[in-house]
Amino acid sequence: MMSTPESRLAALNITLPTPAVPVANYVAYVQSGSLLVVSGQLPLLDGKLFATGKLGDSVAVETAVEAARYSMINVIAQVRAAVGDLSRVKRVVRLGGFIACTPAFTAHASVMNGASDLAVDVFGDAGRHARSTVGVPSLPLDAPVEVEGLFEIA
């Protein structure tokens, strides 16, 4: 039997949440042709931030990796809301990660692997993507991580 993104999520014991509603003047996603852009998603778990604070200060790398994973779960929930069936994802084209951190923090890539690893776990080879990860002085609601995505849709 062929593995699907939905079956991979089930095997990972991940239930996608109801997608978060934007809290400002933007939309959660935009599709243009075969490309779907998902706005930045915070590490919400059961509607609340999984963690708050900055890397290099009050947030451990391990906690931030998990926060990046939760952010990616929320990105995937937005994709499903946009296209209905995750099997329509032909490719995770790009992920962007924002890491709230002190100026001395340099392990951005390790944190963002929480999102990248999940993309590959859920979408297989189609989950391998280009990526940018940047450190920022703050994020909305004092979140430690925010993840955005670009997807090719069949």
Protein backbone atom coordinates (compact mmCIF):
# COMPACT_ATOMS: atom_id res chain seq x y z
CA MET A 1 0.00 0.00 0.00
CA MET A 2 1.31 3.45 -0.93
CA SER A 3 2.11 5.78 1.94
CA THR A 4 0.35 9.16 1.91
CA PRO A 5 1.03 12.34 3.87
CA GLU A 6 -2.11 11.63 5.93
CA SER A 7 -0.98 8.08 6.74
CA ARG A 8 2.48 9.37 7.67
CA LEU A 9 0.90 11.92 10.01
CA ALA A 10 -1.13 9.13 11.62
CA ALA A 11 2.01 6.97 12.00
CA LEU A 12 3.68 9.94 13.73
CA ASN A 13 0.64 10.30 16.04
CA ILE A 14 0.02 13.81 14.73
CA THR A 15 -3.51 15.14 14.50
CA LEU A 16 -3.62 18.40 12.59
CA PRO A 17 -5.24 21.22 14.55
CA THR A 18 -7.88 23.61 13.31
CA PRO A 19 -5.80 26.20 11.43
CA ALA A 20 -5.13 29.44 13.27
CA VAL A 21 -7.03 32.48 12.07
CA PRO A 22 -4.89 35.51 11.16
CA VAL A 23 -4.85 38.17 13.87
CA ALA A 24 -3.95 41.11 11.61
CA ASN A 25 -4.48 42.34 8.04
CA TYR A 26 -3.28 39.29 6.09
CA VAL A 27 -4.55 35.88 5.02
CA ALA A 28 -3.27 32.51 6.18
CA TYR A 29 -2.42 31.35 2.66
CA VAL A 30 -2.53 32.43 -0.96
CA GLN A 31 -2.55 30.15 -3.98
CA SER A 32 -1.31 31.51 -7.30
CA GLY A 33 -1.33 28.93 -10.06
CA SER A 34 0.31 25.79 -8.71
CA LEU A 35 2.12 27.61 -5.89
CA LEU A 36 0.71 27.87 -2.37
CA VAL A 37 2.26 30.33 0.07
CA VAL A 38 1.51 29.77 3.75
CA SER A 39 1.95 32.73 6.08
CA GLY A 40 4.20 32.37 9.11
CA GLN A 41 2.85 30.01 11.74
CA LEU A 42 3.68 30.12 15.44
CA PRO A 43 4.24 27.06 17.66
CA LEU A 44 0.66 26.78 18.84
CA LEU A 45 -0.37 23.65 20.72
CA ASP A 46 -4.04 23.38 21.67
CA GLY A 47 -4.46 27.04 20.75
CA LYS A 48 -1.69 28.30 23.05
CA LEU A 49 1.99 28.99 22.49
CA PHE A 50 4.08 25.91 23.23
CA ALA A 51 6.94 28.14 24.45
CA THR A 52 7.85 31.80 24.75
CA GLY A 53 11.12 33.66 24.96
CA LYS A 54 14.42 33.84 23.11
CA LEU A 55 17.14 31.38 22.21
CA GLY A 56 20.39 32.18 23.93
CA ASP A 57 18.38 33.43 26.92
CA SER A 58 15.34 31.62 28.35
CA VAL A 59 14.67 28.97 25.65
CA ALA A 60 16.79 25.83 25.22
CA VAL A 61 17.65 24.61 21.74
CA GLU A 62 15.75 21.35 22.36
CA THR A 63 12.61 23.29 23.29
CA ALA A 64 12.96 25.47 20.19
CA VAL A 65 13.38 22.41 17.93
CA GLU A 66 10.06 21.14 19.28
CA ALA A 67 8.55 24.61 18.80
CA ALA A 68 9.69 24.56 15.15
CA ARG A 69 8.01 21.17 14.78
CA TYR A 70 4.73 22.55 16.18
CA SER A 71 5.01 25.55 13.85
CA MET A 72 5.40 23.13 10.93
CA ILE A 73 2.37 21.13 12.08
CA ASN A 74 0.43 24.41 11.89
CA VAL A 75 1.84 25.12 8.41
CA ILE A 76 0.67 21.68 7.27
CA ALA A 77 -2.77 22.34 8.79
CA GLN A 78 -2.99 25.50 6.67
CA VAL A 79 -1.97 23.54 3.56
CA ARG A 80 -4.73 21.02 4.17
CA ALA A 81 -7.25 23.84 4.71
CA ALA A 82 -6.14 25.40 1.42
CA VAL A 83 -6.10 22.32 -0.81
CA GLY A 84 -8.18 19.72 1.04
CA ASP A 85 -5.97 16.70 0.40
CA LEU A 86 -2.31 16.70 1.40
CA SER A 87 -1.62 14.22 -1.40
CA ARG A 88 -1.97 17.20 -3.75
CA VAL A 89 1.38 18.53 -2.46
CA LYS A 90 3.86 17.81 -5.24
CA ARG A 91 6.76 19.52 -3.48
CA VAL A 92 7.66 21.49 -0.40
CA VAL A 93 9.53 24.17 -2.34
CA ARG A 94 10.82 26.34 0.50
CA LEU A 95 10.55 26.85 4.24
CA GLY A 96 11.44 30.05 6.00
CA GLY A 97 12.28 30.08 9.66
CA PHE A 98 12.49 32.97 12.06
CA ILE A 99 14.27 32.35 15.36
CA ALA A 100 13.86 34.88 18.18
CA CYS A 101 17.29 35.01 19.76
CA THR A 102 20.04 36.98 21.39
CA PRO A 103 22.80 38.38 19.13
CA ALA A 104 25.27 35.71 20.29
CA PHE A 105 23.02 32.75 19.36
CA THR A 106 24.21 30.86 16.26
CA ALA A 107 22.43 27.47 16.22
CA HIS A 108 19.55 28.66 13.99
CA ALA A 109 19.92 25.73 11.57
CA SER A 110 19.59 23.16 14.36
CA VAL A 111 16.37 24.78 15.56
CA MET A 112 14.85 24.91 12.07
CA ASN A 113 15.56 21.22 11.57
CA GLY A 114 12.50 20.63 13.77
CA ALA A 115 10.38 21.91 10.89
CA SER A 116 12.50 20.55 8.04
CA ASP A 117 12.67 17.04 9.46
CA LEU A 118 8.88 16.96 9.82
CA ALA A 119 8.42 18.15 6.22
CA VAL A 120 10.44 15.15 5.02
CA ASP A 121 8.75 12.78 7.47
CA VAL A 122 5.30 13.80 6.19
CA PHE A 123 5.93 14.38 2.46
CA GLY A 124 8.85 11.99 1.84
CA ASP A 125 11.27 13.06 -0.89
CA ALA A 126 8.78 15.74 -1.95
CA GLY A 127 9.38 17.29 1.47
CA ARG A 128 13.04 18.11 0.72
CA HIS A 129 13.14 21.85 0.31
CA ALA A 130 15.18 25.01 0.01
CA ARG A 131 15.35 26.97 3.25
CA SER A 132 16.25 30.22 4.89
CA THR A 133 16.63 30.58 8.63
CA VAL A 134 17.26 33.92 10.29
CA GLY A 135 17.62 35.22 13.80
CA VAL A 136 15.34 38.08 14.81
CA PRO A 137 15.09 40.18 17.98
CA SER A 138 11.43 39.29 18.61
CA LEU A 139 8.40 37.52 17.18
CA PRO A 140 4.64 37.97 17.73
CA LEU A 141 3.40 37.04 21.21
CA ASP A 142 7.05 36.42 22.29
CA ALA A 143 7.14 33.15 20.30
CA PRO A 144 10.63 31.67 19.93
CA VAL A 145 10.02 30.37 16.38
CA GLU A 146 7.87 31.13 13.34
CA VAL A 147 7.78 29.03 10.15
CA GLU A 148 6.40 29.91 6.69
CA GLY A 149 6.18 27.72 3.61
CA LEU A 150 5.96 27.59 -0.17
CA PHE A 151 4.40 24.49 -1.75
CA GLU A 152 3.83 23.22 -5.27
CA ILE A 153 0.30 21.86 -5.61
CA ALA A 154 -1.00 19.39 -8.20
